N, C-alpha and C. Protein backbone atom coordinates (compact mmCIF):
# COMPACT_ATOMS: atom_id res chain seq x y z
N UNK A 1 -6.14 19.66 -1.93
CA UNK A 1 -6.43 18.32 -1.33
C UNK A 1 -6.01 18.40 0.22
N UNK A 2 -6.79 17.86 0.99
CA UNK A 2 -6.36 17.72 2.40
C UNK A 2 -6.17 16.45 2.88
N UNK A 3 -6.38 15.33 2.15
CA UNK A 3 -6.10 14.08 2.49
C UNK A 3 -5.85 13.12 1.38
N UNK A 4 -4.85 12.23 1.42
CA UNK A 4 -4.57 11.50 0.26
C UNK A 4 -3.88 10.09 0.83
N UNK A 5 -3.98 9.04 -0.15
CA UNK A 5 -3.47 7.88 0.46
C UNK A 5 -1.91 7.71 0.11
N UNK A 6 -1.10 7.58 0.95
CA UNK A 6 0.41 7.53 0.68
C UNK A 6 0.85 5.79 0.58
N UNK A 7 0.41 5.18 1.54
CA UNK A 7 0.49 3.53 1.27
C UNK A 7 -0.59 2.91 2.22
N UNK A 8 -1.11 1.83 1.58
CA UNK A 8 -2.16 1.20 2.38
C UNK A 8 -2.15 -0.22 2.07
N UNK A 9 -2.83 -0.94 3.08
CA UNK A 9 -2.87 -2.48 2.98
C UNK A 9 -4.37 -2.74 3.64
N UNK A 10 -5.14 -3.59 2.99
CA UNK A 10 -6.50 -3.74 3.20
C UNK A 10 -6.85 -5.26 2.93
N UNK A 11 -7.44 -5.85 4.00
CA UNK A 11 -7.96 -7.01 3.96
C UNK A 11 -9.47 -6.98 3.84
N UNK A 12 -10.14 -7.64 2.96
CA UNK A 12 -11.64 -7.49 2.91
C UNK A 12 -12.44 -8.71 2.00
N UNK A 13 -13.57 -8.61 2.28
CA UNK A 13 -14.48 -9.66 1.62
C UNK A 13 -15.08 -8.93 0.53
N UNK A 14 -15.05 -9.42 -0.68
CA UNK A 14 -15.64 -8.78 -1.90
C UNK A 14 -16.95 -9.03 -2.07
N UNK A 15 -17.74 -8.54 -2.82
CA UNK A 15 -19.13 -8.76 -3.32
C UNK A 15 -19.55 -10.37 -3.48
N UNK A 16 -18.59 -11.06 -4.03
CA UNK A 16 -18.80 -12.39 -4.43
C UNK A 16 -18.56 -13.25 -3.01
N UNK A 17 -18.08 -12.58 -1.88
CA UNK A 17 -17.76 -13.53 -0.63
C UNK A 17 -16.35 -13.91 -0.72
N UNK A 18 -15.67 -13.45 -1.51
CA UNK A 18 -14.12 -13.95 -1.64
C UNK A 18 -13.25 -12.97 -0.70
N UNK A 19 -12.28 -13.63 0.18
CA UNK A 19 -11.33 -12.88 0.75
C UNK A 19 -10.32 -12.43 0.13
N UNK A 20 -10.00 -11.22 0.16
CA UNK A 20 -8.96 -10.48 -0.80
C UNK A 20 -8.01 -9.57 0.00
N UNK A 21 -7.03 -9.33 -0.41
CA UNK A 21 -6.24 -8.28 -0.13
C UNK A 21 -5.84 -7.32 -1.16
N UNK A 22 -5.42 -6.09 -0.65
CA UNK A 22 -5.20 -4.93 -1.41
C UNK A 22 -4.06 -3.93 -1.09
N UNK A 23 -3.10 -3.83 -1.78
CA UNK A 23 -2.08 -3.09 -1.38
C UNK A 23 -1.89 -1.99 -2.58
N UNK A 24 -1.68 -0.68 -1.98
CA UNK A 24 -1.47 0.40 -2.87
C UNK A 24 -0.58 1.48 -2.26
N UNK A 25 0.01 2.13 -3.00
CA UNK A 25 1.10 3.13 -2.58
C UNK A 25 1.22 4.38 -3.70
N UNK A 26 1.62 5.48 -3.25
CA UNK A 26 1.91 6.59 -4.04
C UNK A 26 3.32 6.30 -4.58
N UNK A 27 3.30 6.16 -6.03
CA UNK A 27 4.59 6.00 -6.43
C UNK A 27 5.72 6.98 -6.36
N UNK A 28 6.98 6.50 -6.10
CA UNK A 28 7.97 7.55 -5.52
C UNK A 28 8.19 8.56 -6.63
N UNK A 29 7.85 8.38 -7.77
CA UNK A 29 8.19 9.37 -8.88
C UNK A 29 7.08 10.54 -8.82
N UNK A 30 6.05 10.34 -7.94
CA UNK A 30 5.01 11.50 -7.96
C UNK A 30 5.24 11.95 -6.61
N UNK A 31 6.07 11.86 -5.67
CA UNK A 31 5.99 12.41 -4.33
C UNK A 31 6.30 13.79 -4.62
N UNK A 32 7.23 14.29 -5.51
CA UNK A 32 7.37 15.80 -5.59
C UNK A 32 6.17 16.34 -6.15
N UNK A 33 5.48 15.76 -6.86
CA UNK A 33 4.30 16.41 -7.55
C UNK A 33 3.19 16.58 -6.62
N UNK A 34 3.08 15.84 -5.44
CA UNK A 34 2.13 16.16 -4.40
C UNK A 34 2.61 16.77 -3.28
N UNK A 35 3.83 16.60 -2.71
CA UNK A 35 4.29 17.04 -1.48
C UNK A 35 5.42 18.10 -1.74
N UNK A 36 5.30 19.12 -0.87
CA UNK A 36 6.46 20.16 -1.07
C UNK A 36 7.65 19.56 -0.47
N UNK A 37 8.71 20.37 -0.69
CA UNK A 37 10.08 19.81 -0.29
C UNK A 37 10.27 19.65 1.36
N UNK A 38 9.60 20.31 2.03
CA UNK A 38 9.58 20.22 3.52
C UNK A 38 9.07 18.86 3.84
N UNK A 39 7.93 18.28 3.20
CA UNK A 39 7.33 17.01 3.56
C UNK A 39 7.94 15.78 2.76
N UNK A 40 8.58 16.10 1.59
CA UNK A 40 9.14 14.90 0.84
C UNK A 40 10.11 14.05 1.88
N UNK A 41 10.97 14.32 2.54
CA UNK A 41 11.79 13.46 3.36
C UNK A 41 10.88 12.50 4.21
N UNK A 42 9.98 13.08 4.88
CA UNK A 42 8.96 12.21 5.68
C UNK A 42 8.24 11.26 4.75
N UNK A 43 7.73 11.72 3.70
CA UNK A 43 7.03 10.72 2.74
C UNK A 43 7.99 9.65 2.21
N UNK A 44 9.30 10.09 1.90
CA UNK A 44 10.05 9.10 1.28
C UNK A 44 10.56 8.08 2.36
N UNK A 45 10.55 8.42 3.66
CA UNK A 45 10.86 7.55 4.96
C UNK A 45 9.76 6.76 5.18
N UNK A 46 8.52 7.13 5.12
CA UNK A 46 7.41 6.44 5.23
C UNK A 46 7.35 5.07 4.21
N UNK A 47 7.66 5.55 3.03
CA UNK A 47 7.52 4.60 1.78
C UNK A 47 8.60 3.63 1.86
N UNK A 48 9.81 4.11 2.22
CA UNK A 48 11.13 3.36 2.26
C UNK A 48 10.73 2.30 3.49
N UNK A 49 10.22 2.53 4.49
CA UNK A 49 10.04 1.65 5.56
C UNK A 49 8.91 0.68 5.32
N UNK A 50 7.90 0.99 4.98
CA UNK A 50 6.59 0.37 4.82
C UNK A 50 6.48 -0.40 3.52
N UNK A 51 6.91 0.02 2.48
CA UNK A 51 6.75 -0.47 1.28
C UNK A 51 7.09 -2.08 1.12
N UNK A 52 8.37 -2.45 1.64
CA UNK A 52 8.83 -3.71 1.51
C UNK A 52 7.99 -4.70 2.46
N UNK A 53 7.49 -4.18 3.58
CA UNK A 53 6.89 -4.92 4.59
C UNK A 53 5.29 -5.14 4.06
N UNK A 54 4.69 -4.11 3.66
CA UNK A 54 3.46 -4.31 3.17
C UNK A 54 3.38 -5.17 2.02
N UNK A 55 4.24 -4.94 1.15
CA UNK A 55 4.19 -5.68 -0.24
C UNK A 55 4.43 -7.16 0.08
N UNK A 56 5.40 -7.61 0.87
CA UNK A 56 5.72 -8.88 1.24
C UNK A 56 4.43 -9.37 1.98
N UNK A 57 3.85 -8.71 2.93
CA UNK A 57 2.60 -9.21 3.62
C UNK A 57 1.45 -9.61 2.54
N UNK A 58 1.29 -8.67 1.53
CA UNK A 58 0.24 -8.71 0.68
C UNK A 58 0.46 -9.98 -0.23
N UNK A 59 1.75 -10.31 -0.68
CA UNK A 59 2.05 -11.52 -1.48
C UNK A 59 1.94 -12.76 -0.63
N UNK A 60 2.33 -12.76 0.75
CA UNK A 60 2.14 -14.03 1.41
C UNK A 60 0.71 -14.20 1.60
N UNK A 61 -0.10 -13.24 1.85
CA UNK A 61 -1.47 -13.42 2.18
C UNK A 61 -2.28 -13.99 0.67
N UNK A 62 -1.85 -13.46 -0.24
CA UNK A 62 -2.38 -13.85 -1.53
C UNK A 62 -2.11 -15.27 -1.90
N UNK A 63 -0.80 -15.80 -1.57
CA UNK A 63 -0.48 -17.16 -1.76
C UNK A 63 -1.24 -18.11 -0.89
N UNK A 64 -1.47 -17.74 0.37
CA UNK A 64 -2.17 -18.53 1.43
C UNK A 64 -3.49 -18.69 0.91
N UNK A 65 -4.12 -17.44 0.45
CA UNK A 65 -5.57 -17.58 0.22
C UNK A 65 -5.60 -18.39 -1.17
N UNK A 66 -4.98 -18.28 -2.05
CA UNK A 66 -4.90 -19.20 -3.40
C UNK A 66 -4.94 -20.55 -2.87
N UNK A 67 -3.99 -20.88 -1.80
CA UNK A 67 -3.82 -22.50 -1.52
C UNK A 67 -5.26 -22.85 -0.92
N UNK A 68 -6.14 -21.92 -0.36
CA UNK A 68 -7.18 -22.29 0.47
C UNK A 68 -8.36 -22.51 -0.70
N UNK A 69 -8.29 -21.88 -1.86
CA UNK A 69 -9.35 -22.29 -2.88
C UNK A 69 -9.09 -23.35 -3.79
């Protein structure tokens, strides 16, 4: 594999015209299955820094979008 999603956040409009958010990440338990020992500290740092920020943003936007409907 040459490319894979480590962590992502997306805001989009679905086929029914609804504004949606999507948050996904590589589970910490799978980091060692996908990356070698050299890359693991970098991936762990990325997840540690971004996970709480993106998860919070995802939940905040979902709450705001729910209030609008």
